[in-house]
C-alpha atoms as a PDB file:
ATOM      1  CA  MET A   1     107.635  96.803 115.015  1.00  0.00           C
ATOM      2  CA  ALA A   2     106.604  95.554 111.565  1.00  0.00           C
ATOM      3  CA  SER A   3     103.084  94.230 111.146  1.00  0.00           C
ATOM      4  CA  ASP A   4     101.295  92.134 108.510  1.00  0.00           C
ATOM      5  CA  LEU A   5      97.956  93.751 109.393  1.00  0.00           C
ATOM      6  CA  VAL A   6      96.100  94.841 106.253  1.00  0.00           C
ATOM      7  CA  LEU A   7      93.847  97.813 106.918  1.00  0.00           C
ATOM      8  CA  PRO A   8      90.626  98.405 104.951  1.00  0.00           C
ATOM      9  CA  VAL A   9      90.949 100.818 102.043  1.00  0.00           C
ATOM     10  CA  ALA A  10      89.768 104.247 103.183  1.00  0.00           C
ATOM     11  CA  PRO A  11      86.794 105.535 101.177  1.00  0.00           C
ATOM     12  CA  LEU A  12      87.296 108.636  99.070  1.00  0.00           C
ATOM     13  CA  PRO A  13      85.681 111.813 100.457  1.00  0.00           C
ATOM     14  CA  VAL A  14      82.284 112.683  99.014  1.00  0.00           C
ATOM     15  CA  VAL A  15      83.646 116.090  97.957  1.00  0.00           C
ATOM     16  CA  MET A  16      85.902 114.234  95.480  1.00  0.00           C
ATOM     17  CA  LEU A  17      83.170 111.946  94.160  1.00  0.00           C
ATOM     18  CA  GLU A  18      80.233 114.300  93.778  1.00  0.00           C
ATOM     19  CA  PRO A  19      81.591 116.352  90.844  1.00  0.00           C
ATOM     20  CA  LEU A  20      82.226 113.139  88.871  1.00  0.00           C
ATOM     21  CA  VAL A  21      78.770 111.748  89.502  1.00  0.00           C
ATOM     22  CA  ARG A  22      77.047 115.081  88.929  1.00  0.00           C
ATOM     23  CA  ALA A  23      78.839 115.519  85.587  1.00  0.00           C
ATOM     24  CA  ALA A  24      77.889 112.000  84.506  1.00  0.00           C
ATOM     25  CA  LEU A  25      74.223 112.561  85.369  1.00  0.00           C
ATOM     26  CA  LEU A  26      74.173 115.891  83.528  1.00  0.00           C
ATOM     27  CA  GLU A  27      75.736 114.247  80.485  1.00  0.00           C
ATOM     28  CA  ASP A  28      72.939 111.668  80.480  1.00  0.00           C
ATOM     29  CA  LEU A  29      70.108 114.107  81.164  1.00  0.00           C
ATOM     30  CA  GLY A  30      71.154 116.387  78.311  1.00  0.00           C
ATOM     31  CA  ARG A  31      68.841 119.319  77.554  1.00  0.00           C
ATOM     32  CA  ALA A  32      65.440 117.808  78.348  1.00  0.00           C
ATOM     33  CA  GLY A  33      65.854 115.234  81.095  1.00  0.00           C
ATOM     34  CA  ASP A  34      64.720 111.601  80.997  1.00  0.00           C
ATOM     35  CA  LEU A  35      62.052 111.673  78.281  1.00  0.00           C
ATOM     36  CA  THR A  36      61.255 107.971  78.592  1.00  0.00           C
ATOM     37  CA  THR A  37      60.819 107.783  82.362  1.00  0.00           C
ATOM     38  CA  ASP A  38      59.035 111.121  82.711  1.00  0.00           C
ATOM     39  CA  ALA A  39      56.485 110.122  80.048  1.00  0.00           C
ATOM     40  CA  ILE A  40      55.799 106.631  81.353  1.00  0.00           C
ATOM     41  CA  VAL A  41      56.248 106.648  85.131  1.00  0.00           C
ATOM     42  CA  PRO A  42      53.819 108.643  87.342  1.00  0.00           C
ATOM     43  CA  ALA A  43      55.493 111.307  89.460  1.00  0.00           C
ATOM     44  CA  ASP A  44      54.312 109.681  92.685  1.00  0.00           C
ATOM     45  CA  ALA A  45      55.268 106.087  91.751  1.00  0.00           C
ATOM     46  CA  GLN A  46      57.443 104.193  94.224  1.00  0.00           C
ATOM     47  CA  GLY A  47      59.798 101.337  93.454  1.00  0.00           C
ATOM     48  CA  ARG A  48      62.131  98.810  94.990  1.00  0.00           C
ATOM     49  CA  THR A  49      65.043  97.050  93.316  1.00  0.00           C
ATOM     50  CA  ARG A  50      68.343  95.306  94.070  1.00  0.00           C
ATOM     51  CA  LEU A  51      71.880  95.598  92.790  1.00  0.00           C
ATOM     52  CA  VAL A  52      72.951  92.049  91.923  1.00  0.00           C
ATOM     53  CA  ALA A  53      76.276  90.645  90.743  1.00  0.00           C
ATOM     54  CA  ARG A  54      76.153  88.530  87.589  1.00  0.00           C
ATOM     55  CA  GLN A  55      79.821  87.525  87.600  1.00  0.00           C
ATOM     56  CA  GLU A  56      82.545  86.654  90.055  1.00  0.00           C
ATOM     57  CA  GLY A  57      84.682  89.624  90.964  1.00  0.00           C
ATOM     58  CA  VAL A  58      85.610  92.287  93.484  1.00  0.00           C
ATOM     59  CA  LEU A  59      83.191  95.074  94.359  1.00  0.00           C
ATOM     60  CA  ALA A  60      84.308  98.711  94.024  1.00  0.00           C
ATOM     61  CA  GLY A  61      82.515 102.007  93.480  1.00  0.00           C
ATOM     62  CA  LEU A  62      79.540 101.588  95.790  1.00  0.00           C
ATOM     63  CA  ASP A  63      79.731 105.189  97.047  1.00  0.00           C
ATOM     64  CA  LEU A  64      79.477 106.544  93.500  1.00  0.00           C
ATOM     65  CA  ALA A  65      76.427 104.401  92.805  1.00  0.00           C
ATOM     66  CA  ARG A  66      74.811 105.619  96.019  1.00  0.00           C
ATOM     67  CA  LEU A  67      75.531 109.237  95.066  1.00  0.00           C
ATOM     68  CA  ALA A  68      73.982 108.811  91.629  1.00  0.00           C
ATOM     69  CA  PHE A  69      70.649 107.855  93.183  1.00  0.00           C
ATOM     70  CA  ARG A  70      70.811 110.484  95.932  1.00  0.00           C
ATOM     71  CA  LEU A  71      71.623 113.319  93.541  1.00  0.00           C
ATOM     72  CA  MET A  72      68.660 112.408  91.355  1.00  0.00           C
ATOM     73  CA  ASP A  73      66.270 112.247  94.302  1.00  0.00           C
ATOM     74  CA  ASP A  74      67.256 112.501  97.951  1.00  0.00           C
ATOM     75  CA  GLY A  75      64.152 110.495  98.821  1.00  0.00           C
ATOM     76  CA  ILE A  76      65.745 107.344  97.433  1.00  0.00           C
ATOM     77  CA  ASP A  77      66.927 104.941 100.134  1.00  0.00           C
ATOM     78  CA  PHE A  78      70.135 103.068  99.282  1.00  0.00           C
ATOM     79  CA  GLN A  79      70.905 100.213 101.664  1.00  0.00           C
ATOM     80  CA  PRO A  80      74.231  98.459 100.977  1.00  0.00           C
ATOM     81  CA  LEU A  81      74.413  94.786 101.853  1.00  0.00           C
ATOM     82  CA  LEU A  82      78.130  94.503 101.052  1.00  0.00           C
ATOM     83  CA  ALA A  83      81.123  96.853 101.097  1.00  0.00           C
ATOM     84  CA  ASP A  84      83.808  97.700  98.573  1.00  0.00           C
ATOM     85  CA  GLY A  85      86.376  94.917  98.521  1.00  0.00           C
ATOM     86  CA  ALA A  86      83.784  92.158  98.879  1.00  0.00           C
ATOM     87  CA  ARG A  87      84.415  89.084  96.742  1.00  0.00           C
ATOM     88  CA  LEU A  88      81.324  88.602  94.610  1.00  0.00           C
ATOM     89  CA  ARG A  89      79.712  85.495  93.194  1.00  0.00           C
ATOM     90  CA  PRO A  90      76.949  85.432  90.577  1.00  0.00           C
ATOM     91  CA  GLY A  91      73.658  86.240  92.261  1.00  0.00           C
ATOM     92  CA  ALA A  92      75.194  88.066  95.221  1.00  0.00           C
ATOM     93  CA  GLU A  93      72.967  90.922  96.402  1.00  0.00           C
ATOM     94  CA  ILE A  94      74.961  94.141  96.737  1.00  0.00           C
ATOM     95  CA  ALA A  95      72.359  96.705  97.790  1.00  0.00           C
ATOM     96  CA  VAL A  96      68.616  97.301  98.073  1.00  0.00           C
ATOM     97  CA  ILE A  97      67.264 100.540  96.601  1.00  0.00           C
ATOM     98  CA  SER A  98      63.790 101.906  97.223  1.00  0.00           C
ATOM     99  CA  GLY A  99      61.871 105.143  96.858  1.00  0.00           C
ATOM    100  CA  PRO A 100      60.685 107.423  94.033  1.00  0.00           C
ATOM    101  CA  ALA A 101      60.668 105.297  90.879  1.00  0.00           C
ATOM    102  CA  ARG A 102      61.481 108.113  88.469  1.00  0.00           C
ATOM    103  CA  GLY A 103      64.749 108.972  90.186  1.00  0.00           C
ATOM    104  CA  MET A 104      65.716 105.324  90.459  1.00  0.00           C
ATOM    105  CA  LEU A 105      65.197 104.678  86.756  1.00  0.00           C
ATOM    106  CA  THR A 106      66.960 107.871  85.672  1.00  0.00           C
ATOM    107  CA  ALA A 107      70.035 107.266  87.841  1.00  0.00           C
ATOM    108  CA  GLU A 108      70.296 103.549  87.038  1.00  0.00           C
ATOM    109  CA  ARG A 109      72.711 103.708  84.109  1.00  0.00           C
ATOM    110  CA  THR A 110      75.048 106.271  85.671  1.00  0.00           C
ATOM    111  CA  ALA A 111      75.222 104.253  88.886  1.00  0.00           C
ATOM    112  CA  LEU A 112      75.924 101.036  86.994  1.00  0.00           C
ATOM    113  CA  ASN A 113      78.515 102.654  84.719  1.00  0.00           C
ATOM    114  CA  PHE A 114      80.619 103.639  87.712  1.00  0.00           C
ATOM    115  CA  LEU A 115      79.999 100.441  89.658  1.00  0.00           C
ATOM    116  CA  CYS A 116      80.659  98.020  86.783  1.00  0.00           C
ATOM    117  CA  HIS A 117      83.768  99.836  85.591  1.00  0.00           C
ATOM    118  CA  LEU A 118      85.409 100.255  88.993  1.00  0.00           C
ATOM    119  CA  SER A 119      84.529  96.707  90.024  1.00  0.00           C
ATOM    120  CA  GLY A 120      86.179  95.603  86.772  1.00  0.00           C
ATOM    121  CA  VAL A 121      89.346  97.499  87.719  1.00  0.00           C
ATOM    122  CA  ALA A 122      89.342  95.979  91.216  1.00  0.00           C
ATOM    123  CA  THR A 123      88.715  92.508  89.801  1.00  0.00           C
ATOM    124  CA  ALA A 124      91.557  92.798  87.288  1.00  0.00           C
ATOM    125  CA  THR A 125      93.890  94.004  90.027  1.00  0.00           C
ATOM    126  CA  ALA A 126      92.921  91.125  92.296  1.00  0.00           C
ATOM    127  CA  SER A 127      93.647  88.616  89.522  1.00  0.00           C
ATOM    128  CA  ILE A 128      97.300  89.682  89.584  1.00  0.00           C
ATOM    129  CA  ALA A 129      97.553  90.420  93.319  1.00  0.00           C
ATOM    130  CA  ASP A 130      96.296  86.913  94.093  1.00  0.00           C
ATOM    131  CA  ALA A 131      98.657  85.316  91.571  1.00  0.00           C
ATOM    132  CA  ILE A 132     101.821  86.977  92.907  1.00  0.00           C
ATOM    133  CA  ARG A 133     101.044  86.897  96.632  1.00  0.00           C
ATOM    134  CA  PRO A 134     103.321  83.888  97.379  1.00  0.00           C
ATOM    135  CA  HIS A 135     106.305  85.858  96.037  1.00  0.00           C
ATOM    136  CA  GLY A 136     105.829  88.995  98.123  1.00  0.00           C
ATOM    137  CA  ALA A 137     105.674  91.426  95.191  1.00  0.00           C
ATOM    138  CA  LYS A 138     102.949  94.048  94.811  1.00  0.00           C
ATOM    139  CA  VAL A 139     100.992  94.977  91.701  1.00  0.00           C
ATOM    140  CA  THR A 140     100.786  98.684  90.964  1.00  0.00           C
ATOM    141  CA  CYS A 141      98.868 100.794  88.470  1.00  0.00           C
ATOM    142  CA  THR A 142     100.209 103.594  86.257  1.00  0.00           C
ATOM    143  CA  ARG A 143      99.091 107.006  84.948  1.00  0.00           C
ATOM    144  CA  LYS A 144      97.361 105.255  82.026  1.00  0.00           C
ATOM    145  CA  THR A 145      93.947 106.168  83.380  1.00  0.00           C
ATOM    146  CA  LEU A 146      90.745 107.381  81.731  1.00  0.00           C
ATOM    147  CA  PRO A 147      90.611 111.201  81.725  1.00  0.00           C
ATOM    148  CA  GLY A 148      88.797 112.526  84.783  1.00  0.00           C
ATOM    149  CA  LEU A 149      88.596 109.160  86.522  1.00  0.00           C
ATOM    150  CA  ARG A 150      92.132 108.782  87.882  1.00  0.00           C
ATOM    151  CA  ALA A 151      91.280 109.186  91.564  1.00  0.00           C
ATOM    152  CA  VAL A 152      88.484 106.619  91.511  1.00  0.00           C
ATOM    153  CA  GLN A 153      90.357 104.175  89.270  1.00  0.00           C
ATOM    154  CA  LYS A 154      93.369 104.268  91.565  1.00  0.00           C
ATOM    155  CA  TYR A 155      91.014 103.782  94.515  1.00  0.00           C
ATOM    156  CA  ALA A 156      89.628 100.675  92.788  1.00  0.00           C
ATOM    157  CA  VAL A 157      93.176  99.356  92.326  1.00  0.00           C
ATOM    158  CA  ARG A 158      93.716  99.657  96.083  1.00  0.00           C
ATOM    159  CA  VAL A 159      90.407  97.901  96.734  1.00  0.00           C
ATOM    160  CA  GLY A 160      91.572  95.042  94.508  1.00  0.00           C
ATOM    161  CA  GLY A 161      94.720  94.556  96.571  1.00  0.00           C
ATOM    162  CA  GLY A 162      97.117  96.653  94.492  1.00  0.00           C
ATOM    163  CA  SER A 163      99.112  99.775  95.225  1.00  0.00           C
ATOM    164  CA  ASN A 164      99.329 103.111  93.438  1.00  0.00           C
ATOM    165  CA  HIS A 165     102.163 104.497  91.386  1.00  0.00           C
ATOM    166  CA  ARG A 166     102.260 108.265  90.843  1.00  0.00           C
ATOM    167  CA  HIS A 167      98.907 110.004  91.018  1.00  0.00           C
ATOM    168  CA  GLY A 168     100.230 112.704  88.716  1.00  0.00           C
ATOM    169  CA  LEU A 169     103.293 114.446  87.392  1.00  0.00           C
ATOM    170  CA  ASP A 170     103.630 116.444  90.594  1.00  0.00           C
ATOM    171  CA  ASP A 171     104.155 113.811  93.290  1.00  0.00           C
ATOM    172  CA  ALA A 172     107.282 111.953  92.122  1.00  0.00           C
ATOM    173  CA  VAL A 173     109.993 112.030  89.452  1.00  0.00           C
ATOM    174  CA  LEU A 174     109.994 109.325  86.780  1.00  0.00           C
ATOM    175  CA  ILE A 175     112.865 109.753  84.317  1.00  0.00           C
ATOM    176  CA  LYS A 176     112.148 107.886  81.074  1.00  0.00           C
ATOM    177  CA  ASP A 177     114.181 107.371  77.927  1.00  0.00           C
ATOM    178  CA  ASN A 178     112.982 110.586  76.291  1.00  0.00           C
ATOM    179  CA  HIS A 179     114.033 112.611  79.326  1.00  0.00           C
ATOM    180  CA  VAL A 180     117.459 110.986  79.218  1.00  0.00           C
ATOM    181  CA  ALA A 181     117.817 111.706  75.494  1.00  0.00           C
ATOM    182  CA  VAL A 182     116.953 115.389  75.900  1.00  0.00           C
ATOM    183  CA  ALA A 183     119.192 115.760  78.977  1.00  0.00           C
ATOM    184  CA  GLY A 184     122.145 114.176  77.213  1.00  0.00           C
ATOM    185  CA  GLY A 185     122.502 111.135  79.423  1.00  0.00           C
ATOM    186  CA  VAL A 186     121.403 109.350  82.588  1.00  0.00           C
ATOM    187  CA  ARG A 187     123.781 111.193  84.886  1.00  0.00           C
ATOM    188  CA  GLN A 188     122.716 114.614  83.598  1.00  0.00           C
ATOM    189  CA  ALA A 189     119.010 113.765  83.874  1.00  0.00           C
ATOM    190  CA  VAL A 190     119.276 112.474  87.446  1.00  0.00           C
ATOM    191  CA  SER A 191     121.473 115.359  88.575  1.00  0.00           C
ATOM    192  CA  ARG A 192     119.085 117.957  87.181  1.00  0.00           C
ATOM    193  CA  ALA A 193     116.081 116.207  88.711  1.00  0.00           C
ATOM    194  CA  ARG A 194     117.749 116.009  92.111  1.00  0.00           C
ATOM    195  CA  ALA A 195     118.657 119.705  91.990  1.00  0.00           C
ATOM    196  CA  GLY A 196     115.125 120.736  91.081  1.00  0.00           C
ATOM    197  CA  ILE A 197     113.010 118.863  93.650  1.00  0.00           C
ATOM    198  CA  GLY A 198     112.395 118.898  97.378  1.00  0.00           C
ATOM    199  CA  HIS A 199     113.861 116.431  99.845  1.00  0.00           C
ATOM    200  CA  MET A 200     110.547 114.546 100.159  1.00  0.00           C
ATOM    201  CA  VAL A 201     110.311 113.668  96.454  1.00  0.00           C
ATOM    202  CA  LYS A 202     111.589 110.312  95.210  1.00  0.00           C
ATOM    203  CA  ILE A 203     113.339 109.697  91.902  1.00  0.00           C
ATOM    204  CA  GLU A 204     112.625 106.695  89.685  1.00  0.00           C
ATOM    205  CA  LEU A 205     114.658 105.916  86.565  1.00  0.00           C
ATOM    206  CA  GLU A 206     113.533 103.706  83.697  1.00  0.00           C
ATOM    207  CA  VAL A 207     116.216 101.322  82.440  1.00  0.00           C
ATOM    208  CA  ASP A 208     116.088  98.917  79.503  1.00  0.00           C
ATOM    209  CA  THR A 209     119.468  97.227  79.896  1.00  0.00           C
ATOM    210  CA  LEU A 210     121.788  96.026  82.625  1.00  0.00           C
ATOM    211  CA  GLU A 211     124.339  98.634  81.525  1.00  0.00           C
ATOM    212  CA  GLN A 212     121.808 101.401  82.174  1.00  0.00           C
ATOM    213  CA  LEU A 213     120.995  99.797  85.513  1.00  0.00           C
ATOM    214  CA  ASP A 214     124.655  99.882  86.536  1.00  0.00           C
ATOM    215  CA  GLN A 215     124.710 103.598  85.723  1.00  0.00           C
ATOM    216  CA  ALA A 216     121.590 104.162  87.807  1.00  0.00           C
ATOM    217  CA  LEU A 217     123.086 102.341  90.783  1.00  0.00           C
ATOM    218  CA  ASP A 218     126.316 104.260  90.465  1.00  0.00           C
ATOM    219  CA  ILE A 219     124.469 107.592  90.489  1.00  0.00           C
ATOM    220  CA  GLY A 220     121.900 106.538  93.085  1.00  0.00           C
ATOM    221  CA  VAL A 221     118.132 106.633  92.610  1.00  0.00           C
ATOM    222  CA  ASP A 222     115.230 105.568  94.799  1.00  0.00           C
ATOM    223  CA  VAL A 223     113.477 103.264  92.309  1.00  0.00           C
ATOM    224  CA  VAL A 224     114.516 101.538  89.072  1.00  0.00           C
ATOM    225  CA  LEU A 225     111.861 100.737  86.478  1.00  0.00           C
ATOM    226  CA  LEU A 226     113.011  97.563  84.730  1.00  0.00           C
ATOM    227  CA  ASP A 227     111.222  97.896  81.427  1.00  0.00           C
ATOM    228  CA  ASN A 228     110.482  94.991  79.068  1.00  0.00           C
ATOM    229  CA  MET A 229     113.252  92.744  80.406  1.00  0.00           C
ATOM    230  CA  ASP A 230     113.103  88.985  79.972  1.00  0.00           C
ATOM    231  CA  LEU A 231     113.089  86.817  83.076  1.00  0.00           C
ATOM    232  CA  PRO A 232     116.828  86.010  83.233  1.00  0.00           C
ATOM    233  CA  THR A 233     117.664  89.701  82.817  1.00  0.00           C
ATOM    234  CA  LEU A 234     115.135  90.703  85.466  1.00  0.00           C
ATOM    235  CA  ARG A 235     116.590  88.201  87.892  1.00  0.00           C
ATOM    236  CA  GLU A 236     120.117  89.485  87.265  1.00  0.00           C
ATOM    237  CA  ALA A 237     118.888  93.082  87.649  1.00  0.00           C
ATOM    238  CA  VAL A 238     117.408  92.300  91.062  1.00  0.00           C
ATOM    239  CA  ARG A 239     120.666  90.612  92.070  1.00  0.00           C
ATOM    240  CA  ARG A 240     122.687  93.669  91.056  1.00  0.00           C
ATOM    241  CA  VAL A 241     120.380  96.076  92.848  1.00  0.00           C
ATOM    242  CA  ASP A 242     120.713  94.014  96.046  1.00  0.00           C
ATOM    243  CA  GLY A 243     118.345  96.211  98.034  1.00  0.00           C
ATOM    244  CA  ARG A 244     119.933  99.535  97.065  1.00  0.00           C
ATOM    245  CA  ALA A 245     116.733 100.665  95.295  1.00  0.00           C
ATOM    246  CA  VAL A 246     113.147  99.557  94.905  1.00  0.00           C
ATOM    247  CA  THR A 247     112.748  97.413  91.783  1.00  0.00           C
ATOM    248  CA  GLU A 248     109.712  97.707  89.520  1.00  0.00           C
ATOM    249  CA  ALA A 249     109.051  95.528  86.477  1.00  0.00           C
ATOM    250  CA  SER A 250     106.856  96.619  83.583  1.00  0.00           C
ATOM    251  CA  GLY A 251     105.961  95.640  80.048  1.00  0.00           C
ATOM    252  CA  GLY A 252     102.953  93.588  78.911  1.00  0.00           C
ATOM    253  CA  ILE A 253     102.455  91.701  82.167  1.00  0.00           C
ATOM    254  CA  THR A 254      99.334  89.526  82.460  1.00  0.00           C
ATOM    255  CA  PRO A 255      97.818  87.404  85.250  1.00  0.00           C
ATOM    256  CA  GLU A 256      99.411  84.397  83.555  1.00  0.00           C
ATOM    257  CA  SER A 257     102.919  85.864  83.309  1.00  0.00           C
ATOM    258  CA  ALA A 258     102.891  87.807  86.592  1.00  0.00           C
ATOM    259  CA  PRO A 259     103.911  84.915  88.915  1.00  0.00           C
ATOM    260  CA  ALA A 260     107.074  84.257  86.897  1.00  0.00           C
ATOM    261  CA  VAL A 261     107.930  87.962  86.920  1.00  0.00           C
ATOM    262  CA  ALA A 262     107.338  88.126  90.681  1.00  0.00           C
ATOM    263  CA  SER A 263     109.551  85.071  91.210  1.00  0.00           C
ATOM    264  CA  THR A 264     112.572  87.098  90.033  1.00  0.00           C
ATOM    265  CA  GLY A 265     112.415  89.037  93.291  1.00  0.00           C
ATOM    266  CA  VAL A 266     111.149  92.406  92.010  1.00  0.00           C
ATOM    267  CA  ASP A 267     109.334  94.539  94.548  1.00  0.00           C
ATOM    268  CA  LEU A 268     106.642  95.923  92.243  1.00  0.00           C
ATOM    269  CA  ILE A 269     104.906  94.907  89.027  1.00  0.00           C
ATOM    270  CA  ALA A 270     103.456  97.817  87.041  1.00  0.00           C
ATOM    271  CA  VAL A 271     100.404  97.068  84.903  1.00  0.00           C
ATOM    272  CA  GLY A 272      98.844  99.820  82.801  1.00  0.00           C
ATOM    273  CA  TRP A 273      95.856  97.878  81.485  1.00  0.00           C
ATOM    274  CA  LEU A 274      94.341  97.636  84.978  1.00  0.00           C
ATOM    275  CA  THR A 275      92.968 101.132  84.441  1.00  0.00           C
ATOM    276  CA  HIS A 276      93.020 101.824  80.713  1.00  0.00           C
ATOM    277  CA  SER A 277      91.338  98.654  79.481  1.00  0.00           C
ATOM    278  CA  ALA A 278      90.058  96.447  82.300  1.00  0.00           C
ATOM    279  CA  ARG A 279      86.802  94.679  81.391  1.00  0.00           C
ATOM    280  CA  VAL A 280      83.712  95.811  83.254  1.00  0.00           C
ATOM    281  CA  LEU A 281      82.177  93.487  85.834  1.00  0.00           C
ATOM    282  CA  ASP A 282      78.566  92.603  85.027  1.00  0.00           C
ATOM    283  CA  ILE A 283      76.283  94.013  87.724  1.00  0.00           C
ATOM    284  CA  GLY A 284      72.603  94.714  87.194  1.00  0.00           C
ATOM    285  CA  LEU A 285      69.444  96.056  88.797  1.00  0.00           C
ATOM    286  CA  ASP A 286      66.874  93.318  89.436  1.00  0.00           C
ATOM    287  CA  SER A 287      63.363  93.844  90.719  1.00  0.00           C
END
């Protein structure tokens, strides 16, 4: 039986997060460690501080922030007051951090870099997810992610109420115009893809015109990517598909334009800027 129950987003395993955080800390520490903190702060100094939101948004990346402090000094106590997915208001306390002051100061920027960036991704996603909710469409990200951060950026999209497109080249087929050109046509490209993959792999085809869409429907694909179509064309495309494939719209979609796109009846709205250029959310450490 179908259910409208929305389950919490499962956290990513620590084994996936630790290499990212460790690499970021090592990048910051360089060849000589934290010269400023080590010179100024006594080795036995203790501190206490709070992570505080300075803007409205959606929280994401708390586990990476926690890891940054723990990897610097396992004596640091990180007590979250909220969880990923929380809707933040300016002044909202996110976590209380206490323990060895040197480790806290050294890990601060790495922790905030992850937390502010991923909360920015979640916030951007929520801005579209909220706008299109009355229409039943879902917002999805793309492979336009920052190198090395794909897993955590896609996690942040889920936290913000979106869904994930392909995680990589190896989990689904997406036939784009260049593939079609090299293959010699839509039919050839789809046929070759179908012959070369397993039965569990879905095929998506990018189409720019209604004529290409008709070809796709005649051949049969799982998903059609309706790229850069105006609203009347999108609406006609959805009518022609009539449930025979999942429909996904893409091309310069913003929170302002997303509701109109969703009103055409598309199933998914793909937005690349959620991951490649979302603005960070301002979060700081306050004593």
